[in-house]
Amino acid sequence: MSIYRQAVATNHIDLLDQVVRLVTGAGEVSNLSFSGTGNGQLHNPDAHPAAVTETWTITCTDATFPATFSVQGSISGAQASAIVGTHYDNALVLFDLAAGDTDYQAGDKFEFDVTAGEMPTDERWEVLRIGGVAGIEASSYRTDSEPWRIFKGPYHEHSNSWATAIGEHENCWISWKFFRPYEIYRIELQAPETNAQAPNSFALEWSNDGITWHQREAFSGVTWSDNESKEFSLGGVSPGAKRYWRIKISNNNGSTDTTAVQQVRFLEFQNTADINFGRMAAAWLRAPGLTGNGPVYLNFQVYDRPTDDYFNLALIGATGFIDDGDINAQPGLAEMGLPLWNQNMEYWAAVDGQHIALNVRVDNGVLPIYLGKMLPFGTPGQFPYPLLIAAPLSTPAATRYSDDSVSLPYKGYRQNLKLRSTDGSWITPYVWPYSSGKTFRDTGGDYPLLPLTLYDANNTYGVLHDIHFITGFDNIAGNTVSVESETYTVFSDGSLTGFNDYYCMRTQ
């Protein structure tokens, strides 16, 4: 059963987050409130896919520092207690309780509501790996030495280091927000090309909100060779998984103009490949698969470069999952790109247990993707893995959404639509009716929806799910067409308005 959603993402990273939450069936949190004496905070409440629609009540039962709170779901019942200053996660909900200037008192109470995800349980996608960095800031930086340069990886092989502005080399910092909360036990830093600019005395700090910081561990007297990498293990008591972390640098190794760090790596995640090399926000997912033989492997990764004004998603279809492999080193993959921006974007999504069709409004145009199985003209034995990937960019290129190379993938024989054939190769099929060379129009005011049919000289393979051709004759983008209880929305190929420059997507 497909789920249809029309919503707004605040930027490209939020779009990825909303897509992951939609396909996995994650719960949504709302209506956080507090009553009582203390002025601490409950930060980052969230809900897992297993969460049900209910109200959660977190009540102080022991005000002795660090205060203890009971955790009660109106349906799930009593859960393990939460301790102030320790990350809480009971596999249903998760949050962080922080102390304030005024101590909590017994009976102080937080409440929030959870709404269960829409995806049916048997169609929810599984998260195989998720992580990366969703935001980066620094006390200052030099041109061509922006803070985002310290996080490298697939599609992010940036040159240069992060370097502070001239004269701001002492008491400086660089911070990041994880895509999901993580603990850090080991961290590796790489010095810049000039070792005198590398940190000498510095501390790793964490925060619940990106405002109030707490020291995890401090290091001093650290010297470096040019481009040297050093691993630092963290002792003491871990605060648990946190979203916000930073490196605060007191002084460097002698430079009087700038402090620099070439790269930051999170070593403990290399063992499980969660955040191998500190890449940007990414998700490796497995959809259960409703047709064919077995599940579908689909991956997403943010890749952006603020100074070049592109904020994109890499889209990957694969034939399996290798736990210690990078996102672009998965088996049998095909990869493409969705160009976005870092502002509000309206989107329309149609998802089920084996595919996602997504249309995203970027500026004045709408850009589509299709990732997952198409509907084959054959049995599972004949066509066991009919995986399709279609996007505006044929590769995860460093391309802005307004570039002339951005194109609608559905219009005929184009390199930005690939189908995994029965022999395991990726082929570029024709798409009927765009490839027919014929002109279509309505019939007495009725607008037939024609299936997008994939074929070549030897075979007719199947059709796309939730996406159809519709004529542009006396038609405009934004119109809707009703077919019994279903609603389809009309979209155009950018600013083109010819009869064959339109398609529609089921939106309800």
Protein backbone atom coordinates (compact mmCIF):
# COMPACT_ATOMS: atom_id res chain seq x y z
CA MET A 1 0.00 0.00 0.00
CA SER A 2 1.55 3.29 -1.06
CA ILE A 3 1.75 6.21 1.37
CA TYR A 4 1.37 9.71 -0.08
CA ARG A 5 2.68 12.86 1.54
CA GLN A 6 2.90 16.52 0.63
CA ALA A 7 5.07 18.53 2.98
CA VAL A 8 7.89 21.09 3.23
CA ALA A 9 11.54 20.46 4.11
CA THR A 10 13.59 23.34 5.50
CA ASN A 11 16.74 22.36 3.56
CA HIS A 12 18.44 19.44 1.81
CA ILE A 13 19.45 17.69 5.05
CA ASP A 14 15.96 18.03 6.48
CA LEU A 15 14.59 16.54 3.25
CA LEU A 16 16.78 13.46 3.75
CA ASP A 17 15.68 13.24 7.37
CA GLN A 18 12.00 13.45 6.43
CA VAL A 19 12.40 10.82 3.70
CA VAL A 20 14.12 8.41 6.10
CA ARG A 21 11.48 8.97 8.74
CA LEU A 22 8.68 8.44 6.23
CA VAL A 23 9.94 5.19 4.74
CA THR A 24 10.95 3.68 8.10
CA GLY A 25 7.68 4.61 9.77
CA ALA A 26 9.33 6.69 12.49
CA GLY A 27 7.02 8.39 14.95
CA GLU A 28 6.57 12.17 15.14
CA VAL A 29 6.92 14.14 18.39
CA SER A 30 4.80 17.20 19.22
CA ASN A 31 3.41 19.30 22.08
CA LEU A 32 6.39 19.19 24.45
CA SER A 33 5.41 20.84 27.75
CA PHE A 34 6.76 21.21 31.30
CA SER A 35 5.23 21.88 34.68
CA GLY A 36 7.14 22.24 37.93
CA THR A 37 9.93 24.12 39.71
CA GLY A 38 13.21 23.24 37.99
CA ASN A 39 14.33 25.12 34.90
CA GLY A 40 16.22 22.38 33.12
CA GLN A 41 15.33 21.22 29.63
CA LEU A 42 14.25 18.06 27.82
CA HIS A 43 16.20 18.17 24.55
CA ASN A 44 15.84 16.36 21.22
CA PRO A 45 12.75 14.20 21.88
CA ASP A 46 12.28 11.67 19.10
CA ALA A 47 10.41 8.45 18.39
CA HIS A 48 11.46 5.15 16.81
CA PRO A 49 9.42 3.24 14.19
CA ALA A 50 8.19 0.95 16.98
CA ALA A 51 6.51 3.88 18.73
CA VAL A 52 2.72 4.02 18.87
CA THR A 53 0.41 7.02 19.09
CA GLU A 54 0.36 8.00 22.76
CA THR A 55 1.39 10.61 25.34
CA TRP A 56 4.64 10.26 27.23
CA THR A 57 5.04 11.60 30.77
CA ILE A 58 8.50 12.05 32.33
CA THR A 59 8.21 12.83 36.04
CA CYS A 60 10.89 13.62 38.65
CA THR A 61 10.83 10.92 41.34
CA ASP A 62 14.14 11.69 43.06
CA ALA A 63 15.52 15.25 42.99
CA THR A 64 18.93 14.21 44.36
CA PHE A 65 21.54 15.26 41.79
CA PRO A 66 21.58 13.88 39.17
CA ALA A 67 17.78 13.78 39.35
CA THR A 68 15.87 10.62 38.41
CA PHE A 69 12.68 10.72 36.31
CA SER A 70 10.11 8.01 35.71
CA VAL A 71 9.13 7.43 32.08
CA GLN A 72 5.55 6.41 31.33
CA GLY A 73 3.70 5.92 28.05
CA SER A 74 -0.07 6.24 28.12
CA ILE A 75 -0.24 2.97 26.16
CA SER A 76 3.26 1.45 26.50
CA GLY A 77 3.21 1.81 30.28
CA ALA A 78 6.11 2.25 32.67
CA GLN A 79 9.62 2.13 31.22
CA ALA A 80 13.15 2.31 32.61
CA SER A 81 13.91 5.53 34.49
CA ALA A 82 15.80 8.46 32.98
CA ILE A 83 18.75 10.18 34.65
CA VAL A 84 19.56 13.85 34.12
CA GLY A 85 22.71 14.20 32.02
CA THR A 86 22.44 10.71 30.49
CA HIS A 87 21.05 10.10 26.99
CA TYR A 88 17.78 8.16 27.19
CA ASP A 89 16.64 5.61 24.59
CA ASN A 90 14.18 2.81 25.32
CA ALA A 91 13.73 1.74 21.66
CA LEU A 92 10.39 3.59 21.59
CA VAL A 93 11.36 7.18 22.44
CA LEU A 94 14.64 8.98 23.08
CA PHE A 95 15.61 12.32 24.60
CA ASP A 96 18.16 14.15 26.76
CA LEU A 97 17.37 15.61 30.19
CA ALA A 98 19.55 18.56 31.21
CA ALA A 99 19.81 20.33 34.56
CA GLY A 100 19.22 24.06 34.91
CA ASP A 101 20.13 26.79 37.40
CA THR A 102 17.12 25.86 39.52
CA ASP A 103 17.09 22.23 40.67
CA TYR A 104 14.29 19.87 39.73
CA GLN A 105 11.85 18.93 42.48
CA ALA A 106 9.90 15.71 42.92
CA GLY A 107 6.79 15.93 40.76
CA ASP A 108 8.32 18.13 38.06
CA LYS A 109 6.95 16.79 34.81
CA PHE A 110 7.61 16.86 31.08
CA GLU A 111 5.04 15.61 28.58
CA PHE A 112 5.04 15.14 24.83
CA ASP A 113 2.85 13.42 22.28
CA VAL A 114 3.96 10.82 19.75
CA THR A 115 2.11 10.07 16.52
CA ALA A 116 2.98 6.69 14.99
CA GLY A 117 4.48 6.60 11.50
CA GLU A 118 2.22 6.03 8.49
CA MET A 119 4.11 3.16 6.84
CA PRO A 120 2.51 -0.23 7.46
CA THR A 121 4.66 -2.44 9.66
CA ASP A 122 5.27 -5.03 6.93
CA GLU A 123 6.39 -2.38 4.42
CA ARG A 124 8.75 -0.34 6.60
CA TRP A 125 12.27 0.12 5.34
CA GLU A 126 15.08 -0.98 7.63
CA VAL A 127 17.98 1.32 8.48
CA LEU A 128 21.17 -0.65 7.85
CA ARG A 129 23.43 2.28 8.66
CA ILE A 130 22.79 5.96 9.28
CA GLY A 131 25.04 8.79 10.31
CA GLY A 132 27.19 11.66 9.27
CA VAL A 133 27.31 15.34 9.97
CA ALA A 134 24.26 17.54 9.41
CA GLY A 135 25.70 20.93 10.35
CA ILE A 136 29.13 22.54 10.76
CA GLU A 137 30.13 25.86 12.33
CA ALA A 138 33.35 27.52 13.45
CA SER A 139 34.46 30.52 15.46
CA SER A 140 35.95 31.97 12.25
CA TYR A 141 37.46 30.84 8.97
CA ARG A 142 39.49 32.00 6.01
CA THR A 143 38.30 32.09 2.42
CA ASP A 144 38.98 28.67 0.83
CA SER A 145 39.41 27.19 4.31
CA GLU A 146 35.76 26.86 5.34
CA PRO A 147 34.81 24.62 8.29
CA TRP A 148 33.04 22.01 6.14
CA ARG A 149 36.42 21.05 4.64
CA ILE A 150 37.34 18.94 7.68
CA PHE A 151 34.70 16.30 6.83
CA LYS A 152 35.69 14.36 3.74
CA GLY A 153 34.52 11.13 2.16
CA PRO A 154 32.55 9.96 -0.88
CA TYR A 155 31.58 12.98 -3.01
CA HIS A 156 33.39 15.15 -0.43
CA GLU A 157 37.09 14.90 -1.26
CA HIS A 158 37.69 18.56 -0.50
CA SER A 159 41.20 19.96 -0.53
CA ASN A 160 42.55 22.37 2.09
CA SER A 161 41.94 22.49 5.83
CA TRP A 162 39.67 24.47 8.05
CA ALA A 163 41.68 27.50 9.12
CA THR A 164 40.71 30.37 11.41
CA ALA A 165 40.70 33.95 10.27
CA ILE A 166 44.05 35.70 10.54
CA GLY A 167 44.75 36.75 14.13
CA GLU A 168 42.01 34.53 15.62
CA HIS A 169 44.21 31.49 16.22
CA GLU A 170 43.68 31.29 20.00
CA ASN A 171 40.55 30.23 21.87
CA CYS A 172 38.90 29.12 18.64
CA TRP A 173 36.54 26.24 17.90
CA ILE A 174 34.90 24.11 15.25
CA SER A 175 31.59 22.34 15.97
CA TRP A 176 29.32 19.86 14.24
CA LYS A 177 25.83 18.48 14.62
CA PHE A 178 25.41 14.77 13.94
CA PHE A 179 22.56 13.58 11.72
CA ARG A 180 21.63 11.24 14.58
CA PRO A 181 22.93 11.28 18.19
CA TYR A 182 26.23 9.40 18.69
CA GLU A 183 28.74 8.71 21.40
CA ILE A 184 32.40 9.39 20.71
CA TYR A 185 35.09 7.27 22.36
CA ARG A 186 37.90 7.79 19.85
CA ILE A 187 38.61 10.62 17.47
CA GLU A 188 41.36 11.23 14.93
CA LEU A 189 42.63 14.63 13.83
CA GLN A 190 44.87 15.38 10.88
CA ALA A 191 47.24 18.31 10.99
CA PRO A 192 47.41 20.82 8.12
CA GLU A 193 50.34 21.13 5.74
CA THR A 194 51.99 23.56 8.16
CA ASN A 195 52.31 21.80 11.51
CA ALA A 196 52.73 25.03 13.48
CA GLN A 197 49.05 25.75 12.77
CA ALA A 198 47.89 22.44 14.32
CA PRO A 199 46.22 22.40 17.78
CA ASN A 200 48.53 22.12 20.80
CA SER A 201 46.03 22.43 23.66
CA PHE A 202 42.40 21.58 22.95
CA ALA A 203 39.31 19.88 24.36
CA LEU A 204 36.47 17.81 22.93
CA GLU A 205 33.13 19.13 24.20
CA TRP A 206 29.49 18.06 23.86
CA SER A 207 26.15 19.83 24.07
CA ASN A 208 22.44 19.04 24.11
CA ASP A 209 21.45 22.20 22.27
CA GLY A 210 24.55 23.63 20.57
CA ILE A 211 24.60 26.49 23.11
CA THR A 212 25.71 25.16 26.51
CA TRP A 213 28.89 23.08 26.27
CA HIS A 214 30.44 20.45 28.55
CA GLN A 215 33.97 19.08 28.39
CA ARG A 216 34.42 15.44 27.44
CA GLU A 217 38.22 15.40 27.62
CA ALA A 218 41.12 17.84 27.29
CA PHE A 219 44.54 17.38 25.66
CA SER A 220 47.66 19.53 25.93
CA GLY A 221 51.22 19.64 24.62
CA VAL A 222 50.29 17.88 21.36
CA THR A 223 52.88 18.34 18.61
CA TRP A 224 52.58 17.30 14.96
CA SER A 225 54.44 16.73 11.74
CA ASP A 226 53.05 18.27 8.57
CA ASN A 227 49.86 16.40 7.52
CA GLU A 228 50.21 13.95 10.44
CA SER A 229 47.15 12.12 11.79
CA LYS A 230 46.79 11.34 15.50
CA GLU A 231 44.24 9.23 17.33
CA PHE A 232 42.87 10.37 20.70
CA SER A 233 41.05 7.97 23.03
CA LEU A 234 38.58 9.40 25.50
CA GLY A 235 38.48 8.26 29.11
CA GLY A 236 36.10 9.01 31.94
CA VAL A 237 32.34 8.72 31.91
CA SER A 238 30.64 9.14 28.56
CA PRO A 239 27.62 11.47 28.41
CA GLY A 240 25.99 9.07 25.96
CA ALA A 241 24.91 9.74 22.42
CA LYS A 242 24.79 13.46 21.64
CA ARG A 243 24.02 15.46 18.50
CA TYR A 244 26.34 18.41 19.18
CA TRP A 245 30.11 18.17 19.54
CA ARG A 246 33.01 20.56 19.11
CA ILE A 247 36.76 20.89 19.34
CA LYS A 248 37.74 23.97 21.37
CA ILE A 249 41.36 24.97 20.78
CA SER A 250 43.25 27.08 23.31
CA ASN A 251 46.43 27.49 21.27
CA ASN A 252 48.36 26.01 18.37
CA ASN A 253 51.99 24.96 17.89
CA GLY A 254 53.48 28.37 17.19
CA SER A 255 51.69 30.01 14.31
CA THR A 256 50.90 33.64 15.04
CA ASP A 257 48.33 34.03 12.28
CA THR A 258 45.98 31.02 12.05
CA THR A 259 45.00 27.65 13.56
CA ALA A 260 44.02 24.84 11.21
CA VAL A 261 42.72 21.25 11.15
CA GLN A 262 42.80 19.28 7.91
CA GLN A 263 40.39 16.47 8.76
CA VAL A 264 38.35 14.93 11.58
CA ARG A 265 37.57 11.21 11.64
CA PHE A 266 35.37 9.24 14.05
CA LEU A 267 37.32 6.03 14.49
CA GLU A 268 34.90 3.95 16.52
CA PHE A 269 32.41 4.17 13.68
CA GLN A 270 34.87 2.66 11.24
CA ASN A 271 34.38 -0.67 12.99
CA THR A 272 30.70 -0.67 12.08
CA ALA A 273 31.02 1.78 9.18
CA ASP A 274 28.46 4.11 10.75
CA ILE A 275 30.38 7.30 10.04
CA ASN A 276 33.42 6.07 8.18
CA PHE A 277 35.68 9.09 7.55
CA GLY A 278 33.12 11.54 8.94
CA ARG A 279 31.12 11.92 5.76
CA MET A 280 28.07 14.12 5.45
CA ALA A 281 24.59 12.89 6.40
CA ALA A 282 23.86 9.50 4.82
CA ALA A 283 21.47 6.56 5.13
CA TRP A 284 21.77 2.96 3.90
CA LEU A 285 18.32 1.40 3.73
CA ARG A 286 16.72 -1.94 2.93
CA ALA A 287 13.13 -1.97 1.71
CA PRO A 288 11.35 -5.31 2.22
CA GLY A 289 10.38 -5.70 -1.45
CA LEU A 290 6.83 -6.52 -2.42
CA THR A 291 7.52 -8.26 -5.74
CA GLY A 292 10.43 -10.31 -7.00
CA ASN A 293 12.79 -12.28 -4.82
CA GLY A 294 13.87 -10.43 -1.73
CA PRO A 295 14.52 -6.91 -0.44
CA VAL A 296 15.67 -3.71 -2.16
CA TYR A 297 18.88 -1.85 -1.20
CA LEU A 298 18.66 1.92 -1.52
CA ASN A 299 21.11 4.53 -0.23
CA PHE A 300 21.13 8.31 0.13
CA GLN A 301 23.95 10.73 0.93
CA VAL A 302 24.12 14.49 1.17
CA TYR A 303 26.88 16.12 -0.84
CA ASP A 304 27.19 19.88 -0.90
CA ARG A 305 29.63 22.73 -1.35
CA PRO A 306 28.29 26.00 0.06
CA THR A 307 30.84 28.17 -1.72
CA ASP A 308 29.66 26.78 -5.08
CA ASP A 309 25.99 27.01 -4.04
CA TYR A 310 25.00 23.37 -4.50
CA PHE A 311 23.31 21.24 -1.87
CA ASN A 312 22.61 17.81 -3.37
CA LEU A 313 21.68 14.22 -2.62
CA ALA A 314 23.43 11.18 -4.07
CA LEU A 315 20.93 8.40 -4.84
CA ILE A 316 22.14 4.81 -5.00
CA GLY A 317 20.50 1.55 -5.91
CA ALA A 318 22.50 -1.58 -5.03
CA THR A 319 22.18 -5.35 -4.96
CA GLY A 320 23.20 -5.82 -1.33
CA PHE A 321 24.89 -4.25 1.68
CA ILE A 322 28.50 -4.47 2.84
CA ASP A 323 28.73 -3.32 6.44
CA ASP A 324 32.27 -1.94 6.24
CA GLY A 325 31.94 -0.50 2.73
CA ASP A 326 31.51 3.14 1.82
CA ILE A 327 28.22 4.29 0.40
CA ASN A 328 29.69 4.35 -3.12
CA ALA A 329 31.33 0.93 -2.73
CA GLN A 330 28.23 -1.23 -2.31
CA PRO A 331 27.68 -4.22 -4.62
CA GLY A 332 26.14 -3.82 -8.05
CA LEU A 333 25.39 -0.16 -7.58
CA ALA A 334 24.13 2.58 -9.87
CA GLU A 335 24.31 6.15 -8.61
CA MET A 336 22.74 9.46 -9.63
CA GLY A 337 22.19 12.91 -8.17
CA LEU A 338 19.32 15.11 -7.06
CA PRO A 339 20.29 18.83 -7.06
CA LEU A 340 18.68 20.82 -4.25
CA TRP A 341 19.23 23.99 -2.24
CA ASN A 342 19.46 24.90 1.46
CA GLN A 343 16.10 26.67 1.71
CA ASN A 344 12.48 25.58 2.07
CA MET A 345 11.37 22.98 -0.48
CA GLU A 346 7.87 21.67 -0.98
CA TYR A 347 7.83 17.99 -1.87
CA TRP A 348 5.44 15.22 -2.86
CA ALA A 349 6.28 11.61 -1.96
CA ALA A 350 4.76 8.28 -2.93
CA VAL A 351 6.33 5.32 -1.12
CA ASP A 352 5.69 1.68 -0.39
CA GLY A 353 7.73 -1.33 0.64
CA GLN A 354 9.86 -1.33 -2.50
CA HIS A 355 10.07 2.15 -4.07
CA ILE A 356 9.96 5.88 -3.56
CA ALA A 357 8.83 8.44 -6.10
CA LEU A 358 9.68 11.96 -5.00
CA ASN A 359 9.06 15.36 -6.56
CA VAL A 360 10.83 18.35 -4.99
CA ARG A 361 10.16 22.01 -5.75
CA VAL A 362 13.48 23.84 -5.91
CA ASP A 363 13.11 27.55 -6.65
CA ASN A 364 10.59 27.71 -9.51
CA GLY A 365 10.98 24.16 -10.82
CA VAL A 366 10.09 20.65 -9.67
CA LEU A 367 12.73 17.91 -9.80
CA PRO A 368 11.75 14.20 -9.66
CA ILE A 369 13.40 10.95 -8.60
CA TYR A 370 12.32 7.31 -8.74
CA LEU A 371 14.29 4.82 -6.68
CA GLY A 372 13.34 1.18 -6.17
CA LYS A 373 11.53 -1.54 -8.07
CA MET A 374 9.41 -0.82 -11.10
CA LEU A 375 6.43 -3.07 -11.92
CA PRO A 376 7.78 -5.76 -14.30
CA PHE A 377 6.03 -7.60 -17.09
CA GLY A 378 7.24 -10.95 -15.84
CA THR A 379 7.21 -13.30 -12.90
CA PRO A 380 9.72 -13.05 -10.04
CA GLY A 381 11.55 -15.98 -11.58
CA GLN A 382 11.83 -14.17 -14.88
CA PHE A 383 12.70 -10.75 -13.43
CA PRO A 384 13.79 -11.19 -9.79
CA TYR A 385 15.21 -7.70 -9.14
CA PRO A 386 13.69 -5.02 -11.42
CA LEU A 387 15.54 -2.14 -9.77
CA LEU A 388 15.19 1.32 -11.30
CA ILE A 389 16.99 4.57 -10.52
CA ALA A 390 15.99 7.84 -12.18
CA ALA A 391 17.06 11.36 -11.21
CA PRO A 392 17.83 14.80 -12.70
CA LEU A 393 21.61 14.11 -12.72
CA SER A 394 23.08 10.96 -14.29
CA THR A 395 25.91 11.00 -11.71
CA PRO A 396 26.34 12.61 -8.27
CA ALA A 397 27.90 15.59 -9.99
CA ALA A 398 28.90 18.90 -8.43
CA THR A 399 26.04 20.57 -10.24
CA ARG A 400 23.62 23.30 -9.15
CA TYR A 401 19.89 22.76 -9.63
CA SER A 402 19.74 25.55 -12.22
CA ASP A 403 22.40 24.00 -14.49
CA ASP A 404 21.40 23.16 -18.08
CA SER A 405 22.43 19.53 -17.58
CA VAL A 406 19.58 18.98 -15.09
CA SER A 407 16.87 17.08 -16.98
CA LEU A 408 13.67 15.11 -16.57
CA PRO A 409 14.73 11.43 -16.57
CA TYR A 410 11.47 10.02 -17.92
CA LYS A 411 11.52 11.58 -21.40
CA GLY A 412 12.72 8.75 -23.59
CA TYR A 413 16.21 7.33 -23.87
CA ARG A 414 18.22 9.23 -21.24
CA GLN A 415 21.29 8.33 -19.21
CA ASN A 416 19.66 9.52 -15.99
CA LEU A 417 17.26 6.58 -15.97
CA LYS A 418 18.79 3.13 -15.43
CA LEU A 419 17.19 -0.29 -15.08
CA ARG A 420 18.94 -3.33 -13.67
CA SER A 421 18.43 -5.99 -16.31
CA THR A 422 17.94 -9.72 -15.77
CA ASP A 423 21.64 -10.35 -16.50
CA GLY A 424 22.72 -7.97 -13.71
CA SER A 425 23.82 -5.11 -15.97
CA TRP A 426 22.44 -1.59 -15.83
CA ILE A 427 20.72 -0.61 -19.07
CA THR A 428 19.15 2.57 -20.43
CA PRO A 429 15.69 1.70 -21.75
CA TYR A 430 13.35 3.82 -23.82
CA VAL A 431 10.32 5.26 -22.05
CA TRP A 432 7.00 5.20 -23.89
CA PRO A 433 5.08 7.35 -24.72
CA TYR A 434 7.78 10.02 -24.68
CA SER A 435 9.87 7.99 -27.12
CA SER A 436 6.97 7.40 -29.52
CA GLY A 437 7.32 10.67 -31.38
CA LYS A 438 3.55 11.07 -31.23
CA THR A 439 1.56 14.02 -29.91
CA PHE A 440 -1.26 13.38 -27.45
CA ARG A 441 -4.22 15.42 -26.27
CA ASP A 442 -7.32 15.04 -24.10
CA THR A 443 -10.47 13.26 -25.20
CA GLY A 444 -13.45 15.51 -24.72
CA GLY A 445 -11.96 17.02 -21.58
CA ASP A 446 -10.87 13.67 -20.17
CA TYR A 447 -7.14 13.26 -19.62
CA PRO A 448 -6.06 9.62 -19.83
CA LEU A 449 -3.03 8.69 -17.74
CA LEU A 450 -0.64 6.64 -19.84
CA PRO A 451 1.79 4.27 -18.10
CA LEU A 452 5.50 5.04 -18.45
CA THR A 453 6.57 1.83 -20.15
CA LEU A 454 10.22 0.73 -20.28
CA TYR A 455 11.41 -1.12 -23.39
CA ASP A 456 14.23 -1.61 -25.90
CA ALA A 457 14.64 -3.41 -29.20
CA ASN A 458 14.45 -6.82 -27.52
CA ASN A 459 12.08 -6.53 -24.56
CA THR A 460 9.27 -4.61 -22.94
CA TYR A 461 10.26 -4.61 -19.27
CA GLY A 462 7.50 -3.01 -17.25
CA VAL A 463 6.06 0.28 -15.99
CA LEU A 464 6.76 2.81 -13.26
CA HIS A 465 4.63 2.87 -10.15
CA ASP A 466 2.72 6.09 -9.24
CA ILE A 467 4.14 8.01 -12.27
CA HIS A 468 2.27 8.46 -15.58
CA PHE A 469 2.39 10.45 -18.76
CA ILE A 470 -0.26 13.12 -19.28
CA THR A 471 -0.65 15.43 -22.23
CA GLY A 472 0.07 19.13 -21.89
CA PHE A 473 -2.73 20.02 -24.30
CA ASP A 474 -4.78 22.73 -22.55
CA ASN A 475 -3.12 21.63 -19.31
CA ILE A 476 -0.81 23.24 -16.76
CA ALA A 477 1.38 22.12 -13.88
CA GLY A 478 -0.51 21.97 -10.62
CA ASN A 479 -3.73 20.64 -12.12
CA THR A 480 -5.12 17.47 -10.60
CA VAL A 481 -6.79 14.46 -12.19
CA SER A 482 -9.09 12.09 -10.29
CA VAL A 483 -9.32 8.41 -11.14
CA GLU A 484 -11.98 6.91 -8.88
CA SER A 485 -10.57 7.45 -5.35
CA GLU A 486 -7.07 8.35 -6.55
CA THR A 487 -5.71 11.87 -7.14
CA TYR A 488 -2.84 12.68 -9.49
CA THR A 489 -1.00 16.02 -9.66
CA VAL A 490 0.37 17.37 -12.95
CA PHE A 491 4.03 18.44 -13.20
CA SER A 492 6.05 19.84 -16.08
CA ASP A 493 9.61 19.40 -17.33
CA GLY A 494 10.99 22.61 -15.84
CA SER A 495 9.73 25.63 -17.78
CA LEU A 496 8.83 23.60 -20.89
CA THR A 497 5.16 23.68 -21.88
CA GLY A 498 4.89 21.47 -24.99
CA PHE A 499 2.24 18.77 -25.25
CA ASN A 500 4.82 16.09 -24.33
CA ASP A 501 6.55 18.04 -21.54
CA TYR A 502 4.27 16.89 -18.73
CA TYR A 503 3.84 13.94 -16.38
CA CYS A 504 1.72 13.26 -13.34
CA MET A 505 2.30 11.60 -10.00
CA ARG A 506 -0.21 10.05 -7.66
CA THR A 507 -0.44 12.29 -4.62
CA GLN A 508 -3.47 10.88 -2.80
